[in-house]
Amino acid sequence: MGDGGDFTPYREKARNLVCSGLSGPADAATVVGMVSALTDRAEVDLAEGLDSSEGRRIACRAGCGSCCVVNVAILFPEALAIVFHLQRHLPQPERERIRARLDDLHGAIRWLDDEERIALRRSCAFLDYRGNCGIYPVRPLLCRSVTSTDPEACRDAVALMALGETHPVLMNLFQQELMNAYFLGAAQALEELGLDARGLNLTGAVKHLLDRPRLAEEFLSGERLVVA
């Protein structure tokens, strides 16, 4: 699905949004606002560029977490946006449950490569017991890049990958490449601004930020973050 094409303009758009959003004095709230603007713009571009017939073929729905057993790379500003969301929109008991799941999952997957992570079959700490994403409004760009036309194919693919085999999953290539372009453009902007632009593990980045809120200040000062 999707017609390929040049995604450089999307990457440059993301770069410009991040550079303009963080060009002056910034604090954690500024970073979160920038991330919101970035993902909103990405979703607008997706809606404008995604053919309606292709959109109807995407089968991803709430409660289907088949793909949520993989390593996910995020940028630190995305982790900050997730923590703000947890603090502002979830009651404390639920935040504590998520924090406990993050601690447990981080210990289990900390040094696993992609294949080992899938073989472990441990779901993302942000999925609830119904399989719904607890951070859906602020989910990372690379989570937004994943689609499928067949939930059963996703389940089969994950199961076979754990056995070292591959099974094709038909995805919308426009959505995948668009979100990848936004991720890369944002990372380029962070690097140009002298900020940590590495792709970090979703679980570890959010866990460490919850444990050490001062990471936000360290990030904005240009320090290389320790979030392994």
C-alpha atoms as a PDB file:
ATOM      1  CA  MET A   1       0.000   0.000   0.000  1.00  0.00           C
ATOM      2  CA  GLY A   2       1.186   3.519  -0.636  1.00  0.00           C
ATOM      3  CA  ASP A   3       2.944   4.845  -3.707  1.00  0.00           C
ATOM      4  CA  GLY A   4       6.422   5.530  -2.393  1.00  0.00           C
ATOM      5  CA  GLY A   5       7.548   9.020  -3.320  1.00  0.00           C
ATOM      6  CA  ASP A   6       9.853  11.610  -1.850  1.00  0.00           C
ATOM      7  CA  PHE A   7       9.352  12.111   1.883  1.00  0.00           C
ATOM      8  CA  THR A   8      12.102  14.706   2.197  1.00  0.00           C
ATOM      9  CA  PRO A   9       9.578  17.582   2.478  1.00  0.00           C
ATOM     10  CA  TYR A  10       7.975  15.886   5.486  1.00  0.00           C
ATOM     11  CA  ARG A  11      11.347  15.372   7.097  1.00  0.00           C
ATOM     12  CA  GLU A  12      12.214  19.037   6.541  1.00  0.00           C
ATOM     13  CA  LYS A  13       8.833  20.098   7.921  1.00  0.00           C
ATOM     14  CA  ALA A  14       9.502  18.133  11.110  1.00  0.00           C
ATOM     15  CA  ARG A  15      12.989  19.615  11.376  1.00  0.00           C
ATOM     16  CA  ASN A  16      11.623  23.145  11.059  1.00  0.00           C
ATOM     17  CA  LEU A  17       8.889  22.547  13.628  1.00  0.00           C
ATOM     18  CA  VAL A  18      11.354  21.295  16.219  1.00  0.00           C
ATOM     19  CA  CYS A  19      13.924  23.996  15.519  1.00  0.00           C
ATOM     20  CA  SER A  20      11.339  26.761  15.779  1.00  0.00           C
ATOM     21  CA  GLY A  21       9.742  25.207  18.864  1.00  0.00           C
ATOM     22  CA  LEU A  22      13.021  24.932  20.767  1.00  0.00           C
ATOM     23  CA  SER A  23      15.020  27.825  19.343  1.00  0.00           C
ATOM     24  CA  GLY A  24      14.517  30.106  22.340  1.00  0.00           C
ATOM     25  CA  PRO A  25      14.537  29.573  26.122  1.00  0.00           C
ATOM     26  CA  ALA A  26      12.736  26.311  26.802  1.00  0.00           C
ATOM     27  CA  ASP A  27      11.520  24.279  29.726  1.00  0.00           C
ATOM     28  CA  ALA A  28       9.809  20.888  29.950  1.00  0.00           C
ATOM     29  CA  ALA A  29       6.411  22.384  29.108  1.00  0.00           C
ATOM     30  CA  THR A  30       7.882  23.988  25.993  1.00  0.00           C
ATOM     31  CA  VAL A  31       9.228  20.620  24.854  1.00  0.00           C
ATOM     32  CA  VAL A  32       5.866  18.940  25.429  1.00  0.00           C
ATOM     33  CA  GLY A  33       4.104  21.657  23.458  1.00  0.00           C
ATOM     34  CA  MET A  34       6.556  21.173  20.616  1.00  0.00           C
ATOM     35  CA  VAL A  35       5.913  17.419  20.571  1.00  0.00           C
ATOM     36  CA  SER A  36       2.170  18.058  20.464  1.00  0.00           C
ATOM     37  CA  ALA A  37       2.570  20.395  17.508  1.00  0.00           C
ATOM     38  CA  LEU A  38       4.829  17.879  15.768  1.00  0.00           C
ATOM     39  CA  THR A  39       2.475  14.918  16.114  1.00  0.00           C
ATOM     40  CA  ASP A  40      -0.570  17.040  15.258  1.00  0.00           C
ATOM     41  CA  ARG A  41       1.122  18.135  12.042  1.00  0.00           C
ATOM     42  CA  ALA A  42       2.105  14.568  11.227  1.00  0.00           C
ATOM     43  CA  GLU A  43      -1.496  13.424  11.697  1.00  0.00           C
ATOM     44  CA  VAL A  44      -2.777  16.241   9.473  1.00  0.00           C
ATOM     45  CA  ASP A  45      -0.301  15.262   6.756  1.00  0.00           C
ATOM     46  CA  LEU A  46      -1.382  11.645   7.140  1.00  0.00           C
ATOM     47  CA  ALA A  47      -5.058  12.536   6.770  1.00  0.00           C
ATOM     48  CA  GLU A  48      -4.325  14.670   3.722  1.00  0.00           C
ATOM     49  CA  GLY A  49      -2.044  12.161   2.032  1.00  0.00           C
ATOM     50  CA  LEU A  50      -3.743   8.874   2.863  1.00  0.00           C
ATOM     51  CA  ASP A  51      -6.155   7.708   0.206  1.00  0.00           C
ATOM     52  CA  SER A  52      -9.587   7.063   1.738  1.00  0.00           C
ATOM     53  CA  SER A  53      -9.802   3.580   0.282  1.00  0.00           C
ATOM     54  CA  GLU A  54      -6.413   2.707   1.789  1.00  0.00           C
ATOM     55  CA  GLY A  55      -7.469   4.130   5.134  1.00  0.00           C
ATOM     56  CA  ARG A  56     -10.484   1.822   5.204  1.00  0.00           C
ATOM     57  CA  ARG A  57      -8.211  -1.181   4.670  1.00  0.00           C
ATOM     58  CA  ILE A  58      -6.174  -0.480   7.818  1.00  0.00           C
ATOM     59  CA  ALA A  59      -7.420  -2.942  10.421  1.00  0.00           C
ATOM     60  CA  CYS A  60      -5.625  -1.576  13.510  1.00  0.00           C
ATOM     61  CA  ARG A  61      -8.142  -0.985  16.281  1.00  0.00           C
ATOM     62  CA  ALA A  62      -8.191  -0.403  20.029  1.00  0.00           C
ATOM     63  CA  GLY A  63      -7.682  -3.641  21.915  1.00  0.00           C
ATOM     64  CA  CYS A  64      -5.360  -5.219  19.329  1.00  0.00           C
ATOM     65  CA  GLY A  65      -1.875  -5.166  20.815  1.00  0.00           C
ATOM     66  CA  SER A  66      -0.279  -7.883  18.703  1.00  0.00           C
ATOM     67  CA  CYS A  67       2.583  -5.634  17.588  1.00  0.00           C
ATOM     68  CA  CYS A  68       3.153  -4.197  21.065  1.00  0.00           C
ATOM     69  CA  VAL A  69       5.830  -6.755  21.942  1.00  0.00           C
ATOM     70  CA  VAL A  70       8.646  -5.132  19.970  1.00  0.00           C
ATOM     71  CA  ASN A  71      11.396  -2.673  20.845  1.00  0.00           C
ATOM     72  CA  VAL A  72      10.283   0.897  20.091  1.00  0.00           C
ATOM     73  CA  ALA A  73      12.707   3.783  19.634  1.00  0.00           C
ATOM     74  CA  ILE A  74      11.632   7.230  20.793  1.00  0.00           C
ATOM     75  CA  LEU A  75      13.236  10.639  21.096  1.00  0.00           C
ATOM     76  CA  PHE A  76      13.594  12.075  24.581  1.00  0.00           C
ATOM     77  CA  PRO A  77      10.985  14.821  23.961  1.00  0.00           C
ATOM     78  CA  GLU A  78       8.481  12.047  23.207  1.00  0.00           C
ATOM     79  CA  ALA A  79       9.266  10.427  26.556  1.00  0.00           C
ATOM     80  CA  LEU A  80       8.694  13.775  28.242  1.00  0.00           C
ATOM     81  CA  ALA A  81       5.315  14.125  26.531  1.00  0.00           C
ATOM     82  CA  ILE A  82       4.336  10.651  27.747  1.00  0.00           C
ATOM     83  CA  VAL A  83       5.268  11.458  31.351  1.00  0.00           C
ATOM     84  CA  PHE A  84       3.268  14.707  31.231  1.00  0.00           C
ATOM     85  CA  HIS A  85       0.290  12.750  29.903  1.00  0.00           C
ATOM     86  CA  LEU A  86       0.539  10.177  32.679  1.00  0.00           C
ATOM     87  CA  GLN A  87       0.767  12.856  35.341  1.00  0.00           C
ATOM     88  CA  ARG A  88      -2.117  14.946  34.039  1.00  0.00           C
ATOM     89  CA  HIS A  89      -4.607  12.395  32.780  1.00  0.00           C
ATOM     90  CA  LEU A  90      -4.257   9.221  34.845  1.00  0.00           C
ATOM     91  CA  PRO A  91      -5.249   8.787  38.487  1.00  0.00           C
ATOM     92  CA  GLN A  92      -2.405   8.048  40.859  1.00  0.00           C
ATOM     93  CA  PRO A  93      -3.287   4.330  41.384  1.00  0.00           C
ATOM     94  CA  GLU A  94      -3.096   3.735  37.642  1.00  0.00           C
ATOM     95  CA  ARG A  95       0.163   5.706  37.387  1.00  0.00           C
ATOM     96  CA  GLU A  96       1.641   3.534  40.107  1.00  0.00           C
ATOM     97  CA  ARG A  97       0.555   0.367  38.310  1.00  0.00           C
ATOM     98  CA  ILE A  98       2.144   1.562  35.086  1.00  0.00           C
ATOM     99  CA  ARG A  99       5.314   2.518  36.915  1.00  0.00           C
ATOM    100  CA  ALA A 100       5.543  -0.955  38.436  1.00  0.00           C
ATOM    101  CA  ARG A 101       5.035  -2.525  35.017  1.00  0.00           C
ATOM    102  CA  LEU A 102       7.724  -0.276  33.539  1.00  0.00           C
ATOM    103  CA  ASP A 103      10.206  -1.288  36.245  1.00  0.00           C
ATOM    104  CA  ASP A 104       9.457  -4.970  35.730  1.00  0.00           C
ATOM    105  CA  LEU A 105       9.539  -4.840  31.934  1.00  0.00           C
ATOM    106  CA  HIS A 106      12.718  -2.764  31.848  1.00  0.00           C
ATOM    107  CA  GLY A 107      14.490  -5.373  33.953  1.00  0.00           C
ATOM    108  CA  ALA A 108      13.333  -8.107  31.595  1.00  0.00           C
ATOM    109  CA  ILE A 109      14.163  -6.475  28.230  1.00  0.00           C
ATOM    110  CA  ARG A 110      17.018  -4.108  29.062  1.00  0.00           C
ATOM    111  CA  TRP A 111      19.705  -5.900  27.067  1.00  0.00           C
ATOM    112  CA  LEU A 112      17.553  -7.774  24.532  1.00  0.00           C
ATOM    113  CA  ASP A 113      17.910  -7.266  20.799  1.00  0.00           C
ATOM    114  CA  ASP A 114      14.834  -7.031  18.587  1.00  0.00           C
ATOM    115  CA  GLU A 115      14.444 -10.774  18.006  1.00  0.00           C
ATOM    116  CA  GLU A 116      14.987 -11.604  21.666  1.00  0.00           C
ATOM    117  CA  ARG A 117      12.451  -8.952  22.675  1.00  0.00           C
ATOM    118  CA  ILE A 118       9.806 -10.473  20.413  1.00  0.00           C
ATOM    119  CA  ALA A 119      10.585 -13.998  21.586  1.00  0.00           C
ATOM    120  CA  LEU A 120       9.959 -12.918  25.160  1.00  0.00           C
ATOM    121  CA  ARG A 121       6.350 -12.038  24.219  1.00  0.00           C
ATOM    122  CA  ARG A 122       6.059  -9.372  26.924  1.00  0.00           C
ATOM    123  CA  SER A 123       3.545  -6.663  26.088  1.00  0.00           C
ATOM    124  CA  CYS A 124       4.225  -2.942  26.366  1.00  0.00           C
ATOM    125  CA  ALA A 125       3.810  -1.597  29.887  1.00  0.00           C
ATOM    126  CA  PHE A 126       1.250   0.924  28.639  1.00  0.00           C
ATOM    127  CA  LEU A 127      -1.269  -1.679  27.503  1.00  0.00           C
ATOM    128  CA  ASP A 128      -4.146  -2.274  29.893  1.00  0.00           C
ATOM    129  CA  TYR A 129      -5.777  -5.646  30.531  1.00  0.00           C
ATOM    130  CA  ARG A 130      -8.078  -5.126  27.529  1.00  0.00           C
ATOM    131  CA  GLY A 131      -5.124  -4.490  25.228  1.00  0.00           C
ATOM    132  CA  ASN A 132      -5.842  -0.769  24.934  1.00  0.00           C
ATOM    133  CA  CYS A 133      -2.996   1.756  24.778  1.00  0.00           C
ATOM    134  CA  GLY A 134      -2.905   3.963  27.864  1.00  0.00           C
ATOM    135  CA  ILE A 135      -0.844   6.650  26.109  1.00  0.00           C
ATOM    136  CA  TYR A 136      -2.600   6.593  22.737  1.00  0.00           C
ATOM    137  CA  PRO A 137      -2.924  10.403  22.361  1.00  0.00           C
ATOM    138  CA  VAL A 138       0.835  10.803  22.907  1.00  0.00           C
ATOM    139  CA  ARG A 139       2.068   7.513  21.447  1.00  0.00           C
ATOM    140  CA  PRO A 140       5.486   7.778  19.771  1.00  0.00           C
ATOM    141  CA  LEU A 141       5.908   8.528  16.081  1.00  0.00           C
ATOM    142  CA  LEU A 142       7.282   5.067  15.378  1.00  0.00           C
ATOM    143  CA  CYS A 143       4.245   3.468  17.034  1.00  0.00           C
ATOM    144  CA  ARG A 144       2.111   5.580  14.699  1.00  0.00           C
ATOM    145  CA  SER A 145       4.079   4.240  11.729  1.00  0.00           C
ATOM    146  CA  VAL A 146       2.871   0.658  12.203  1.00  0.00           C
ATOM    147  CA  THR A 147      -0.302  -0.501  10.484  1.00  0.00           C
ATOM    148  CA  SER A 148      -1.805  -3.737   9.242  1.00  0.00           C
ATOM    149  CA  THR A 149      -4.651  -4.820   7.006  1.00  0.00           C
ATOM    150  CA  ASP A 150      -5.040  -8.121   8.838  1.00  0.00           C
ATOM    151  CA  PRO A 151      -4.799  -8.571  12.635  1.00  0.00           C
ATOM    152  CA  GLU A 152      -4.430 -12.326  12.256  1.00  0.00           C
ATOM    153  CA  ALA A 153      -1.417 -11.800  10.003  1.00  0.00           C
ATOM    154  CA  CYS A 154       0.151  -9.657  12.727  1.00  0.00           C
ATOM    155  CA  ARG A 155      -0.315 -12.356  15.334  1.00  0.00           C
ATOM    156  CA  ASP A 156       1.139 -14.978  12.984  1.00  0.00           C
ATOM    157  CA  ALA A 157       4.100 -12.751  12.113  1.00  0.00           C
ATOM    158  CA  VAL A 158       4.989 -12.115  15.748  1.00  0.00           C
ATOM    159  CA  ALA A 159       4.713 -15.799  16.595  1.00  0.00           C
ATOM    160  CA  LEU A 160       6.916 -16.822  13.663  1.00  0.00           C
ATOM    161  CA  MET A 161       9.499 -14.102  14.343  1.00  0.00           C
ATOM    162  CA  ALA A 162       9.933 -15.560  17.807  1.00  0.00           C
ATOM    163  CA  LEU A 163      10.867 -18.804  16.045  1.00  0.00           C
ATOM    164  CA  GLY A 164      13.293 -17.098  13.685  1.00  0.00           C
ATOM    165  CA  GLU A 165      10.927 -17.180  10.724  1.00  0.00           C
ATOM    166  CA  THR A 166       9.314 -14.361   8.777  1.00  0.00           C
ATOM    167  CA  HIS A 167       5.743 -13.825   7.723  1.00  0.00           C
ATOM    168  CA  PRO A 168       4.727 -10.833   5.580  1.00  0.00           C
ATOM    169  CA  VAL A 169       2.352  -8.227   6.966  1.00  0.00           C
ATOM    170  CA  LEU A 170       0.748  -5.824   4.507  1.00  0.00           C
ATOM    171  CA  MET A 171       1.217  -2.293   5.843  1.00  0.00           C
ATOM    172  CA  ASN A 172       0.373   1.155   4.560  1.00  0.00           C
ATOM    173  CA  LEU A 173       3.719   2.344   3.261  1.00  0.00           C
ATOM    174  CA  PHE A 174       2.686   5.988   3.102  1.00  0.00           C
ATOM    175  CA  GLN A 175       1.901   6.065   6.811  1.00  0.00           C
ATOM    176  CA  GLN A 176       5.082   4.164   7.656  1.00  0.00           C
ATOM    177  CA  GLU A 177       7.359   6.415   5.616  1.00  0.00           C
ATOM    178  CA  LEU A 178       5.609   9.604   6.733  1.00  0.00           C
ATOM    179  CA  MET A 179       6.051   8.881  10.429  1.00  0.00           C
ATOM    180  CA  ASN A 180       9.633   7.707   9.862  1.00  0.00           C
ATOM    181  CA  ALA A 181      10.342  10.987   8.060  1.00  0.00           C
ATOM    182  CA  TYR A 182       8.943  12.980  10.960  1.00  0.00           C
ATOM    183  CA  PHE A 183      11.061  10.990  13.416  1.00  0.00           C
ATOM    184  CA  LEU A 184      14.236  11.517  11.399  1.00  0.00           C
ATOM    185  CA  GLY A 185      13.513  15.198  10.837  1.00  0.00           C
ATOM    186  CA  ALA A 186      12.931  15.751  14.540  1.00  0.00           C
ATOM    187  CA  ALA A 187      16.144  13.907  15.404  1.00  0.00           C
ATOM    188  CA  GLN A 188      18.076  16.027  12.898  1.00  0.00           C
ATOM    189  CA  ALA A 189      16.736  19.192  14.503  1.00  0.00           C
ATOM    190  CA  LEU A 190      17.691  18.058  18.002  1.00  0.00           C
ATOM    191  CA  GLU A 191      21.211  17.322  16.821  1.00  0.00           C
ATOM    192  CA  GLU A 192      21.501  20.748  15.204  1.00  0.00           C
ATOM    193  CA  LEU A 193      20.302  22.333  18.449  1.00  0.00           C
ATOM    194  CA  GLY A 194      23.001  20.499  20.413  1.00  0.00           C
ATOM    195  CA  LEU A 195      20.506  18.256  22.215  1.00  0.00           C
ATOM    196  CA  ASP A 196      20.543  14.491  22.691  1.00  0.00           C
ATOM    197  CA  ALA A 197      19.103  13.168  19.430  1.00  0.00           C
ATOM    198  CA  ARG A 198      19.505   9.438  20.003  1.00  0.00           C
ATOM    199  CA  GLY A 199      16.699   6.977  19.572  1.00  0.00           C
ATOM    200  CA  LEU A 200      15.995   5.652  23.083  1.00  0.00           C
ATOM    201  CA  ASN A 201      14.082   2.588  24.175  1.00  0.00           C
ATOM    202  CA  LEU A 202      10.508   3.535  25.027  1.00  0.00           C
ATOM    203  CA  THR A 203      10.376   1.533  28.250  1.00  0.00           C
ATOM    204  CA  GLY A 204      13.739   2.643  29.565  1.00  0.00           C
ATOM    205  CA  ALA A 205      13.384   6.307  28.628  1.00  0.00           C
ATOM    206  CA  VAL A 206      10.025   6.748  30.370  1.00  0.00           C
ATOM    207  CA  LYS A 207      11.091   4.700  33.391  1.00  0.00           C
ATOM    208  CA  HIS A 208      14.250   6.742  33.920  1.00  0.00           C
ATOM    209  CA  LEU A 209      12.412  10.025  33.454  1.00  0.00           C
ATOM    210  CA  LEU A 210       9.850   9.014  36.078  1.00  0.00           C
ATOM    211  CA  ASP A 211      12.689   8.028  38.408  1.00  0.00           C
ATOM    212  CA  ARG A 212      14.747  11.147  37.676  1.00  0.00           C
ATOM    213  CA  PRO A 213      12.648  14.162  36.651  1.00  0.00           C
ATOM    214  CA  ARG A 214      15.850  16.228  36.428  1.00  0.00           C
ATOM    215  CA  LEU A 215      16.594  14.407  33.169  1.00  0.00           C
ATOM    216  CA  ALA A 216      14.477  17.068  31.473  1.00  0.00           C
ATOM    217  CA  GLU A 217      16.843  19.788  32.685  1.00  0.00           C
ATOM    218  CA  GLU A 218      19.871  17.725  31.694  1.00  0.00           C
ATOM    219  CA  PHE A 219      18.405  17.254  28.214  1.00  0.00           C
ATOM    220  CA  LEU A 220      17.757  20.962  27.761  1.00  0.00           C
ATOM    221  CA  SER A 221      21.296  21.781  28.921  1.00  0.00           C
ATOM    222  CA  GLY A 222      22.697  19.601  26.139  1.00  0.00           C
ATOM    223  CA  GLU A 223      23.919  16.727  28.276  1.00  0.00           C
ATOM    224  CA  ARG A 224      24.077  13.202  26.890  1.00  0.00           C
ATOM    225  CA  LEU A 225      21.459  11.322  28.886  1.00  0.00           C
ATOM    226  CA  VAL A 226      22.126   8.122  30.799  1.00  0.00           C
ATOM    227  CA  VAL A 227      18.969   6.065  30.304  1.00  0.00           C
ATOM    228  CA  ALA A 228      20.178   2.517  29.686  1.00  0.00           C
END
